[in-house]
Amino acid sequence: MNNKSMKKIKASSLWLVPVMGAFLTGCAAKTPSAPPMSDQAAAFVSSNRAEIRQDKVVFINESMNLNSEDPNYNTFWHEYYQYEAELKKLNDERLQLIRDYNFNYKTMDDTIANNLAQRALTIRKKRLELLEKYYGKIKKATSAVIAARFLQVEQQVSLLLDIEIASSLPLVIDEQ
């Protein structure tokens, strides 16, 4: 495990919280949302998310201990990039949820809190289902050891990013 890569992933995720707080938007069914981000803000978010994904690939590559001579190398990366594409969609939902949370933070009521919590639980379930799906695909395409390593490394990266985001968001308050 390379701590330098992990630190870079963590450091590059720090942009996430202020951007979400500053550029609020959303399309939730029962949750009020702000106007869409400006083109400049959307480009900034997109660029930073791409950088995080690149740093993550470097970390995954180092941690998986596969090299180009390994017969499983190309097979693993083929599956991994499909996983990342699906994960990006879930992260889009999560970004929207965080932005909706920030937008509604000061006017939170039971309906909004419940809607946001249900969306958060749904996203968490989808993430777990995605991990299970790609654990199976990678195991079938390579080996159980490689798939288990992928699962372990992916969980470590996800936990790091989850902690970084969670520690930057305020707890729900009850102003009643």
N, C-alpha and C. Protein backbone atom coordinates (compact mmCIF):
# COMPACT_ATOMS: atom_id res chain seq x y z
N MET A 1 0.84 -1.17 0.00
CA MET A 1 0.00 0.00 0.00
C MET A 1 0.89 1.24 0.00
N ASN A 2 0.66 2.15 -0.87
CA ASN A 2 1.48 3.34 -0.97
C ASN A 2 0.75 4.51 -0.31
N ASN A 3 1.28 4.95 0.84
CA ASN A 3 0.64 6.03 1.59
C ASN A 3 0.66 7.35 0.83
N LYS A 4 1.67 7.56 -0.02
CA LYS A 4 1.74 8.79 -0.81
C LYS A 4 0.52 8.90 -1.73
N SER A 5 0.18 7.81 -2.41
CA SER A 5 -0.99 7.82 -3.30
C SER A 5 -2.27 8.03 -2.52
N MET A 6 -2.39 7.37 -1.33
CA MET A 6 -3.58 7.51 -0.51
C MET A 6 -3.72 8.96 -0.05
N LYS A 7 -2.61 9.58 0.37
CA LYS A 7 -2.65 10.96 0.82
C LYS A 7 -3.05 11.89 -0.32
N LYS A 8 -2.57 11.61 -1.53
CA LYS A 8 -2.91 12.45 -2.67
C LYS A 8 -4.40 12.33 -2.98
N ILE A 9 -4.96 11.11 -2.90
CA ILE A 9 -6.39 10.92 -3.13
C ILE A 9 -7.17 11.72 -2.09
N LYS A 10 -6.77 11.60 -0.83
CA LYS A 10 -7.46 12.31 0.24
C LYS A 10 -7.35 13.83 0.03
N ALA A 11 -6.15 14.31 -0.27
CA ALA A 11 -5.95 15.74 -0.46
C ALA A 11 -6.74 16.26 -1.65
N SER A 12 -6.80 15.49 -2.72
CA SER A 12 -7.49 15.97 -3.91
C SER A 12 -9.01 15.91 -3.75
N SER A 13 -9.49 15.23 -2.70
CA SER A 13 -10.93 15.20 -2.46
C SER A 13 -11.40 16.40 -1.66
N LEU A 14 -10.47 17.17 -1.10
CA LEU A 14 -10.84 18.30 -0.26
C LEU A 14 -11.62 19.38 -1.01
N TRP A 15 -11.47 19.47 -2.30
CA TRP A 15 -12.19 20.47 -3.10
C TRP A 15 -13.68 20.23 -3.07
N LEU A 16 -14.08 18.98 -2.81
CA LEU A 16 -15.46 18.54 -2.95
C LEU A 16 -16.42 19.32 -2.06
N VAL A 17 -16.11 19.45 -0.79
CA VAL A 17 -17.06 20.03 0.15
C VAL A 17 -17.29 21.51 -0.10
N PRO A 18 -16.23 22.35 -0.23
CA PRO A 18 -16.51 23.75 -0.47
C PRO A 18 -17.24 23.99 -1.79
N VAL A 19 -16.91 23.23 -2.79
CA VAL A 19 -17.57 23.40 -4.09
C VAL A 19 -19.05 23.06 -3.96
N MET A 20 -19.34 21.97 -3.26
CA MET A 20 -20.73 21.59 -3.10
C MET A 20 -21.50 22.63 -2.31
N GLY A 21 -20.86 23.21 -1.33
CA GLY A 21 -21.52 24.23 -0.54
C GLY A 21 -21.72 25.51 -1.32
N ALA A 22 -20.75 25.84 -2.16
CA ALA A 22 -20.79 27.10 -2.89
C ALA A 22 -21.66 27.05 -4.14
N PHE A 23 -21.70 25.92 -4.78
CA PHE A 23 -22.44 25.78 -6.04
C PHE A 23 -23.57 24.78 -5.88
N LEU A 24 -24.65 25.24 -5.31
CA LEU A 24 -25.74 24.35 -4.97
C LEU A 24 -26.70 24.15 -6.14
N THR A 25 -27.20 22.91 -6.25
CA THR A 25 -28.20 22.60 -7.26
C THR A 25 -28.89 21.31 -6.88
N GLY A 26 -29.90 20.91 -7.64
CA GLY A 26 -30.55 19.64 -7.34
C GLY A 26 -31.84 19.46 -8.07
N CYS A 27 -32.31 18.23 -8.08
CA CYS A 27 -33.55 17.88 -8.76
C CYS A 27 -34.34 16.86 -7.95
N ALA A 28 -34.28 16.92 -6.64
CA ALA A 28 -34.95 15.93 -5.81
C ALA A 28 -36.46 16.13 -5.86
N ALA A 29 -37.19 15.03 -5.80
CA ALA A 29 -38.64 15.06 -5.91
C ALA A 29 -39.28 15.88 -4.79
N LYS A 30 -38.89 15.65 -3.52
CA LYS A 30 -39.52 16.32 -2.40
C LYS A 30 -38.58 17.30 -1.71
N THR A 31 -37.46 17.51 -2.29
CA THR A 31 -36.46 18.36 -1.67
C THR A 31 -36.21 19.58 -2.54
N PRO A 32 -36.44 20.79 -1.99
CA PRO A 32 -36.14 21.99 -2.78
C PRO A 32 -34.68 22.02 -3.21
N SER A 33 -34.46 22.55 -4.38
CA SER A 33 -33.10 22.60 -4.89
C SER A 33 -32.81 23.98 -5.49
N ALA A 34 -31.52 24.29 -5.54
CA ALA A 34 -31.07 25.58 -6.07
C ALA A 34 -30.89 25.49 -7.58
N PRO A 35 -30.64 26.61 -8.21
CA PRO A 35 -30.39 26.60 -9.66
C PRO A 35 -29.15 25.78 -10.00
N PRO A 36 -29.04 25.34 -11.23
CA PRO A 36 -27.86 24.56 -11.65
C PRO A 36 -26.57 25.36 -11.50
N MET A 37 -25.47 24.63 -11.44
CA MET A 37 -24.16 25.28 -11.36
C MET A 37 -23.89 26.03 -12.65
N SER A 38 -23.05 27.04 -12.53
CA SER A 38 -22.60 27.74 -13.72
C SER A 38 -21.71 26.81 -14.53
N ASP A 39 -21.50 27.13 -15.78
CA ASP A 39 -20.60 26.32 -16.62
C ASP A 39 -19.20 26.26 -16.02
N GLN A 40 -18.74 27.37 -15.48
CA GLN A 40 -17.42 27.42 -14.89
C GLN A 40 -17.33 26.51 -13.66
N ALA A 41 -18.34 26.55 -12.82
CA ALA A 41 -18.35 25.69 -11.63
C ALA A 41 -18.43 24.22 -12.01
N ALA A 42 -19.28 23.90 -12.99
CA ALA A 42 -19.40 22.52 -13.45
C ALA A 42 -18.09 22.01 -14.03
N ALA A 43 -17.39 22.86 -14.77
CA ALA A 43 -16.09 22.48 -15.33
C ALA A 43 -15.07 22.23 -14.22
N PHE A 44 -15.10 23.07 -13.19
CA PHE A 44 -14.20 22.91 -12.06
C PHE A 44 -14.46 21.58 -11.35
N VAL A 45 -15.71 21.28 -11.09
CA VAL A 45 -16.08 20.02 -10.43
C VAL A 45 -15.65 18.84 -11.28
N SER A 46 -15.95 18.90 -12.57
CA SER A 46 -15.60 17.81 -13.48
C SER A 46 -14.09 17.58 -13.53
N SER A 47 -13.34 18.64 -13.60
CA SER A 47 -11.89 18.54 -13.65
C SER A 47 -11.33 17.92 -12.37
N ASN A 48 -11.82 18.34 -11.24
CA ASN A 48 -11.33 17.81 -9.97
C ASN A 48 -11.74 16.35 -9.76
N ARG A 49 -12.92 16.00 -10.19
CA ARG A 49 -13.34 14.60 -10.09
C ARG A 49 -12.48 13.72 -10.99
N ALA A 50 -12.14 14.21 -12.18
CA ALA A 50 -11.27 13.45 -13.08
C ALA A 50 -9.89 13.26 -12.46
N GLU A 51 -9.40 14.28 -11.79
CA GLU A 51 -8.09 14.18 -11.13
C GLU A 51 -8.13 13.14 -10.00
N ILE A 52 -9.20 13.13 -9.24
CA ILE A 52 -9.34 12.13 -8.18
C ILE A 52 -9.35 10.73 -8.77
N ARG A 53 -10.10 10.55 -9.87
CA ARG A 53 -10.14 9.22 -10.51
C ARG A 53 -8.76 8.81 -11.01
N GLN A 54 -8.00 9.74 -11.57
CA GLN A 54 -6.64 9.42 -12.03
C GLN A 54 -5.75 9.01 -10.86
N ASP A 55 -5.82 9.75 -9.77
CA ASP A 55 -5.03 9.41 -8.59
C ASP A 55 -5.44 8.04 -8.05
N LYS A 56 -6.71 7.76 -8.11
CA LYS A 56 -7.21 6.48 -7.63
C LYS A 56 -6.68 5.34 -8.49
N VAL A 57 -6.64 5.53 -9.80
CA VAL A 57 -6.11 4.50 -10.69
C VAL A 57 -4.65 4.22 -10.38
N VAL A 58 -3.88 5.26 -10.10
CA VAL A 58 -2.48 5.06 -9.74
C VAL A 58 -2.39 4.23 -8.46
N PHE A 59 -3.20 4.58 -7.47
CA PHE A 59 -3.20 3.85 -6.21
C PHE A 59 -3.64 2.40 -6.42
N ILE A 60 -4.69 2.19 -7.20
CA ILE A 60 -5.18 0.83 -7.48
C ILE A 60 -4.08 0.03 -8.18
N ASN A 61 -3.45 0.63 -9.16
CA ASN A 61 -2.39 -0.05 -9.91
C ASN A 61 -1.26 -0.50 -8.98
N GLU A 62 -0.84 0.40 -8.09
CA GLU A 62 0.23 0.05 -7.15
C GLU A 62 -0.22 -1.03 -6.18
N SER A 63 -1.44 -0.94 -5.72
CA SER A 63 -1.94 -1.87 -4.71
C SER A 63 -2.29 -3.24 -5.25
N MET A 64 -2.72 -3.31 -6.50
CA MET A 64 -3.12 -4.60 -7.07
C MET A 64 -1.93 -5.51 -7.34
N ASN A 65 -0.75 -4.93 -7.41
CA ASN A 65 0.47 -5.72 -7.60
C ASN A 65 0.41 -6.57 -8.88
N LEU A 66 -0.13 -5.98 -9.93
CA LEU A 66 -0.18 -6.62 -11.24
C LEU A 66 0.71 -5.81 -12.18
N ASN A 67 1.43 -6.48 -13.04
CA ASN A 67 2.22 -5.75 -14.04
C ASN A 67 1.80 -6.22 -15.42
N SER A 68 2.27 -5.53 -16.43
CA SER A 68 1.82 -5.80 -17.79
C SER A 68 2.18 -7.20 -18.28
N GLU A 69 3.13 -7.87 -17.64
CA GLU A 69 3.45 -9.25 -18.03
C GLU A 69 2.50 -10.27 -17.41
N ASP A 70 1.77 -9.86 -16.40
CA ASP A 70 0.83 -10.76 -15.74
C ASP A 70 -0.33 -11.05 -16.69
N PRO A 71 -0.69 -12.32 -16.86
CA PRO A 71 -1.80 -12.65 -17.78
C PRO A 71 -3.15 -12.05 -17.35
N ASN A 72 -3.29 -11.65 -16.09
CA ASN A 72 -4.54 -11.07 -15.60
C ASN A 72 -4.58 -9.55 -15.67
N TYR A 73 -3.47 -8.95 -16.05
CA TYR A 73 -3.35 -7.49 -16.04
C TYR A 73 -4.42 -6.82 -16.90
N ASN A 74 -4.46 -7.13 -18.17
CA ASN A 74 -5.43 -6.50 -19.09
C ASN A 74 -6.86 -6.86 -18.74
N THR A 75 -7.07 -8.08 -18.32
CA THR A 75 -8.42 -8.52 -17.95
C THR A 75 -8.92 -7.73 -16.75
N PHE A 76 -8.06 -7.59 -15.75
CA PHE A 76 -8.45 -6.82 -14.57
C PHE A 76 -8.83 -5.40 -14.96
N TRP A 77 -7.96 -4.73 -15.72
CA TRP A 77 -8.21 -3.33 -16.05
C TRP A 77 -9.44 -3.16 -16.94
N HIS A 78 -9.71 -4.13 -17.77
CA HIS A 78 -10.93 -4.09 -18.58
C HIS A 78 -12.16 -4.04 -17.66
N GLU A 79 -12.19 -4.91 -16.68
CA GLU A 79 -13.31 -4.95 -15.74
C GLU A 79 -13.32 -3.70 -14.86
N TYR A 80 -12.15 -3.28 -14.41
CA TYR A 80 -12.06 -2.14 -13.50
C TYR A 80 -12.61 -0.87 -14.15
N TYR A 81 -12.26 -0.63 -15.40
CA TYR A 81 -12.74 0.60 -16.05
C TYR A 81 -14.25 0.58 -16.27
N GLN A 82 -14.82 -0.60 -16.45
CA GLN A 82 -16.28 -0.70 -16.51
C GLN A 82 -16.88 -0.36 -15.14
N TYR A 83 -16.25 -0.88 -14.10
CA TYR A 83 -16.67 -0.58 -12.72
C TYR A 83 -16.63 0.94 -12.47
N GLU A 84 -15.54 1.57 -12.83
CA GLU A 84 -15.38 3.00 -12.62
C GLU A 84 -16.46 3.81 -13.35
N ALA A 85 -16.82 3.38 -14.55
CA ALA A 85 -17.86 4.09 -15.30
C ALA A 85 -19.20 4.01 -14.56
N GLU A 86 -19.51 2.85 -14.02
CA GLU A 86 -20.76 2.71 -13.27
C GLU A 86 -20.69 3.45 -11.93
N LEU A 87 -19.52 3.42 -11.30
CA LEU A 87 -19.34 4.12 -10.04
C LEU A 87 -19.49 5.63 -10.24
N LYS A 88 -19.03 6.14 -11.36
CA LYS A 88 -19.15 7.58 -11.63
C LYS A 88 -20.62 8.00 -11.62
N LYS A 89 -21.49 7.17 -12.17
CA LYS A 89 -22.92 7.49 -12.16
C LYS A 89 -23.47 7.57 -10.74
N LEU A 90 -23.04 6.63 -9.90
CA LEU A 90 -23.47 6.66 -8.50
C LEU A 90 -22.90 7.89 -7.79
N ASN A 91 -21.67 8.23 -8.11
CA ASN A 91 -21.07 9.41 -7.49
C ASN A 91 -21.74 10.69 -7.96
N ASP A 92 -22.28 10.69 -9.17
CA ASP A 92 -23.08 11.83 -9.63
C ASP A 92 -24.31 12.00 -8.75
N GLU A 93 -24.96 10.87 -8.45
CA GLU A 93 -26.14 10.91 -7.56
C GLU A 93 -25.75 11.40 -6.17
N ARG A 94 -24.61 10.93 -5.70
CA ARG A 94 -24.15 11.32 -4.37
C ARG A 94 -23.81 12.81 -4.33
N LEU A 95 -23.16 13.30 -5.35
CA LEU A 95 -22.85 14.73 -5.43
C LEU A 95 -24.13 15.54 -5.39
N GLN A 96 -25.13 15.11 -6.14
CA GLN A 96 -26.41 15.82 -6.14
C GLN A 96 -27.03 15.79 -4.75
N LEU A 97 -26.97 14.66 -4.09
CA LEU A 97 -27.52 14.53 -2.75
C LEU A 97 -26.82 15.49 -1.78
N ILE A 98 -25.52 15.55 -1.83
CA ILE A 98 -24.76 16.44 -0.94
C ILE A 98 -25.10 17.90 -1.23
N ARG A 99 -25.23 18.23 -2.47
CA ARG A 99 -25.58 19.60 -2.83
C ARG A 99 -26.99 19.93 -2.35
N ASP A 100 -27.91 18.98 -2.49
CA ASP A 100 -29.27 19.20 -2.00
C ASP A 100 -29.27 19.34 -0.47
N TYR A 101 -28.46 18.54 0.20
CA TYR A 101 -28.35 18.64 1.66
C TYR A 101 -27.85 20.03 2.05
N ASN A 102 -26.79 20.47 1.42
CA ASN A 102 -26.24 21.80 1.73
C ASN A 102 -27.27 22.90 1.47
N PHE A 103 -27.99 22.77 0.39
CA PHE A 103 -29.00 23.79 0.04
C PHE A 103 -30.12 23.84 1.07
N ASN A 104 -30.52 22.70 1.60
CA ASN A 104 -31.66 22.61 2.52
C ASN A 104 -31.27 22.61 3.99
N TYR A 105 -30.00 22.71 4.28
CA TYR A 105 -29.51 22.57 5.65
C TYR A 105 -30.21 23.51 6.63
N LYS A 106 -30.34 24.76 6.30
CA LYS A 106 -30.90 25.74 7.24
C LYS A 106 -32.42 25.70 7.32
N THR A 107 -33.07 25.04 6.38
CA THR A 107 -34.53 24.96 6.39
C THR A 107 -35.01 23.52 6.52
N MET A 108 -34.18 22.66 7.08
CA MET A 108 -34.47 21.23 7.20
C MET A 108 -35.74 21.01 8.01
N ASP A 109 -36.62 20.17 7.48
CA ASP A 109 -37.79 19.72 8.22
C ASP A 109 -37.84 18.19 8.10
N ASP A 110 -38.84 17.58 8.69
CA ASP A 110 -38.93 16.11 8.68
C ASP A 110 -39.04 15.55 7.26
N THR A 111 -39.79 16.19 6.41
CA THR A 111 -39.97 15.70 5.04
C THR A 111 -38.66 15.74 4.27
N ILE A 112 -37.97 16.86 4.35
CA ILE A 112 -36.69 17.00 3.64
C ILE A 112 -35.66 16.04 4.22
N ALA A 113 -35.57 15.97 5.55
CA ALA A 113 -34.62 15.07 6.20
C ALA A 113 -34.87 13.63 5.79
N ASN A 114 -36.12 13.23 5.78
CA ASN A 114 -36.46 11.85 5.41
C ASN A 114 -36.10 11.58 3.95
N ASN A 115 -36.41 12.51 3.07
CA ASN A 115 -36.09 12.35 1.66
C ASN A 115 -34.59 12.20 1.45
N LEU A 116 -33.81 13.07 2.08
CA LEU A 116 -32.36 13.01 1.94
C LEU A 116 -31.80 11.71 2.52
N ALA A 117 -32.31 11.30 3.67
CA ALA A 117 -31.83 10.06 4.30
C ALA A 117 -32.16 8.85 3.43
N GLN A 118 -33.35 8.81 2.88
CA GLN A 118 -33.73 7.68 2.01
C GLN A 118 -32.85 7.64 0.76
N ARG A 119 -32.58 8.79 0.20
CA ARG A 119 -31.69 8.84 -0.97
C ARG A 119 -30.28 8.38 -0.60
N ALA A 120 -29.79 8.78 0.57
CA ALA A 120 -28.46 8.36 1.01
C ALA A 120 -28.40 6.84 1.18
N LEU A 121 -29.42 6.26 1.79
CA LEU A 121 -29.45 4.80 1.97
C LEU A 121 -29.51 4.07 0.63
N THR A 122 -30.28 4.60 -0.29
CA THR A 122 -30.38 3.99 -1.62
C THR A 122 -29.03 4.02 -2.33
N ILE A 123 -28.33 5.13 -2.26
CA ILE A 123 -27.02 5.23 -2.89
C ILE A 123 -26.04 4.25 -2.25
N ARG A 124 -26.07 4.14 -0.92
CA ARG A 124 -25.18 3.20 -0.23
C ARG A 124 -25.46 1.76 -0.68
N LYS A 125 -26.74 1.42 -0.79
CA LYS A 125 -27.10 0.06 -1.26
C LYS A 125 -26.60 -0.17 -2.68
N LYS A 126 -26.77 0.81 -3.54
CA LYS A 126 -26.31 0.69 -4.93
C LYS A 126 -24.80 0.51 -5.00
N ARG A 127 -24.07 1.22 -4.14
CA ARG A 127 -22.61 1.08 -4.11
C ARG A 127 -22.20 -0.33 -3.70
N LEU A 128 -22.86 -0.86 -2.70
CA LEU A 128 -22.56 -2.22 -2.25
C LEU A 128 -22.91 -3.23 -3.35
N GLU A 129 -24.04 -3.06 -3.99
CA GLU A 129 -24.43 -3.95 -5.10
C GLU A 129 -23.42 -3.88 -6.24
N LEU A 130 -22.92 -2.69 -6.52
CA LEU A 130 -21.92 -2.52 -7.58
C LEU A 130 -20.62 -3.25 -7.21
N LEU A 131 -20.19 -3.12 -5.97
CA LEU A 131 -18.99 -3.83 -5.52
C LEU A 131 -19.17 -5.34 -5.64
N GLU A 132 -20.33 -5.82 -5.21
CA GLU A 132 -20.62 -7.26 -5.30
C GLU A 132 -20.60 -7.73 -6.76
N LYS A 133 -21.20 -6.95 -7.62
CA LYS A 133 -21.24 -7.28 -9.05
C LYS A 133 -19.83 -7.40 -9.62
N TYR A 134 -18.99 -6.40 -9.34
CA TYR A 134 -17.64 -6.41 -9.93
C TYR A 134 -16.68 -7.33 -9.21
N TYR A 135 -16.93 -7.64 -7.96
CA TYR A 135 -16.15 -8.68 -7.31
C TYR A 135 -16.36 -9.99 -8.08
N GLY A 136 -17.62 -10.30 -8.38
CA GLY A 136 -17.94 -11.51 -9.13
C GLY A 136 -17.35 -11.51 -10.53
N LYS A 137 -17.46 -10.38 -11.22
CA LYS A 137 -16.93 -10.30 -12.58
C LYS A 137 -15.40 -10.44 -12.60
N ILE A 138 -14.74 -9.76 -11.67
CA ILE A 138 -13.28 -9.83 -11.63
C ILE A 138 -12.82 -11.23 -11.20
N LYS A 139 -13.52 -11.82 -10.25
CA LYS A 139 -13.19 -13.18 -9.81
C LYS A 139 -13.32 -14.16 -10.97
N LYS A 140 -14.38 -14.04 -11.72
CA LYS A 140 -14.60 -14.94 -12.85
C LYS A 140 -13.55 -14.71 -13.94
N ALA A 141 -13.19 -13.48 -14.18
CA ALA A 141 -12.25 -13.15 -15.25
C ALA A 141 -10.79 -13.40 -14.86
N THR A 142 -10.47 -13.31 -13.55
CA THR A 142 -9.08 -13.46 -13.11
C THR A 142 -8.98 -14.56 -12.06
N SER A 143 -9.09 -14.20 -10.80
CA SER A 143 -9.04 -15.17 -9.70
C SER A 143 -9.71 -14.57 -8.47
N ALA A 144 -10.02 -15.42 -7.51
CA ALA A 144 -10.62 -14.95 -6.27
C ALA A 144 -9.65 -14.06 -5.49
N VAL A 145 -8.37 -14.36 -5.55
CA VAL A 145 -7.37 -13.55 -4.84
C VAL A 145 -7.32 -12.14 -5.42
N ILE A 146 -7.28 -12.02 -6.72
CA ILE A 146 -7.25 -10.70 -7.36
C ILE A 146 -8.54 -9.95 -7.07
N ALA A 147 -9.66 -10.64 -7.13
CA ALA A 147 -10.95 -10.00 -6.86
C ALA A 147 -11.04 -9.54 -5.40
N ALA A 148 -10.54 -10.36 -4.48
CA ALA A 148 -10.56 -9.97 -3.07
C ALA A 148 -9.66 -8.76 -2.83
N ARG A 149 -8.51 -8.73 -3.49
CA ARG A 149 -7.61 -7.59 -3.35
C ARG A 149 -8.29 -6.33 -3.89
N PHE A 150 -8.95 -6.45 -5.05
CA PHE A 150 -9.70 -5.32 -5.61
C PHE A 150 -10.72 -4.83 -4.60
N LEU A 151 -11.48 -5.74 -4.02
CA LEU A 151 -12.51 -5.37 -3.05
C LEU A 151 -11.90 -4.65 -1.85
N GLN A 152 -10.80 -5.19 -1.35
CA GLN A 152 -10.14 -4.61 -0.20
C GLN A 152 -9.62 -3.19 -0.51
N VAL A 153 -8.95 -3.04 -1.61
CA VAL A 153 -8.38 -1.74 -1.98
C VAL A 153 -9.50 -0.73 -2.28
N GLU A 154 -10.50 -1.15 -2.99
CA GLU A 154 -11.62 -0.27 -3.31
C GLU A 154 -12.33 0.20 -2.05
N GLN A 155 -12.49 -0.71 -1.09
CA GLN A 155 -13.12 -0.35 0.18
C GLN A 155 -12.28 0.69 0.93
N GLN A 156 -10.96 0.53 0.91
CA GLN A 156 -10.08 1.48 1.60
C GLN A 156 -10.21 2.87 0.99
N VAL A 157 -10.19 2.95 -0.32
CA VAL A 157 -10.32 4.24 -0.99
C VAL A 157 -11.69 4.85 -0.69
N SER A 158 -12.73 4.05 -0.79
CA SER A 158 -14.09 4.54 -0.54
C SER A 158 -14.24 5.05 0.89
N LEU A 159 -13.70 4.31 1.84
CA LEU A 159 -13.79 4.74 3.23
C LEU A 159 -13.06 6.06 3.47
N LEU A 160 -11.90 6.20 2.87
CA LEU A 160 -11.15 7.45 3.00
C LEU A 160 -11.95 8.63 2.48
N LEU A 161 -12.51 8.47 1.29
CA LEU A 161 -13.30 9.55 0.70
C LEU A 161 -14.57 9.81 1.51
N ASP A 162 -15.22 8.73 1.99
CA ASP A 162 -16.42 8.88 2.81
C ASP A 162 -16.13 9.66 4.08
N ILE A 163 -15.02 9.33 4.74
CA ILE A 163 -14.65 10.03 5.98
C ILE A 163 -14.38 11.50 5.69
N GLU A 164 -13.67 11.76 4.62
CA GLU A 164 -13.35 13.15 4.27
C GLU A 164 -14.62 13.97 4.03
N ILE A 165 -15.55 13.40 3.30
CA ILE A 165 -16.80 14.11 3.01
C ILE A 165 -17.64 14.25 4.27
N ALA A 166 -17.82 13.14 5.00
CA ALA A 166 -18.66 13.17 6.20
C ALA A 166 -18.13 14.14 7.25
N SER A 167 -16.83 14.21 7.39
CA SER A 167 -16.26 15.10 8.41
C SER A 167 -16.42 16.57 8.04
N SER A 168 -16.72 16.85 6.81
CA SER A 168 -16.87 18.24 6.36
C SER A 168 -18.32 18.70 6.31
N LEU A 169 -19.24 17.76 6.45
CA LEU A 169 -20.66 18.14 6.41
C LEU A 169 -21.20 18.32 7.83
N PRO A 170 -21.98 19.35 8.05
CA PRO A 170 -22.54 19.55 9.39
C PRO A 170 -23.66 18.53 9.66
N LEU A 171 -23.83 18.19 10.93
CA LEU A 171 -24.92 17.30 11.32
C LEU A 171 -26.24 18.02 11.16
N VAL A 172 -27.29 17.27 10.92
CA VAL A 172 -28.63 17.84 10.81
C VAL A 172 -28.99 18.47 12.15
N ILE A 173 -29.54 19.68 12.10
CA ILE A 173 -29.93 20.35 13.33
C ILE A 173 -31.45 20.43 13.40
N ASP A 174 -31.95 20.52 14.61
CA ASP A 174 -33.38 20.66 14.82
C ASP A 174 -33.62 22.06 15.38
N GLU A 175 -34.18 22.91 14.55
CA GLU A 175 -34.37 24.32 14.93
C GLU A 175 -35.74 24.56 15.55
N GLN A 176 -36.46 23.52 15.89
CA GLN A 176 -37.83 23.71 16.40
C GLN A 176 -37.87 24.12 17.84
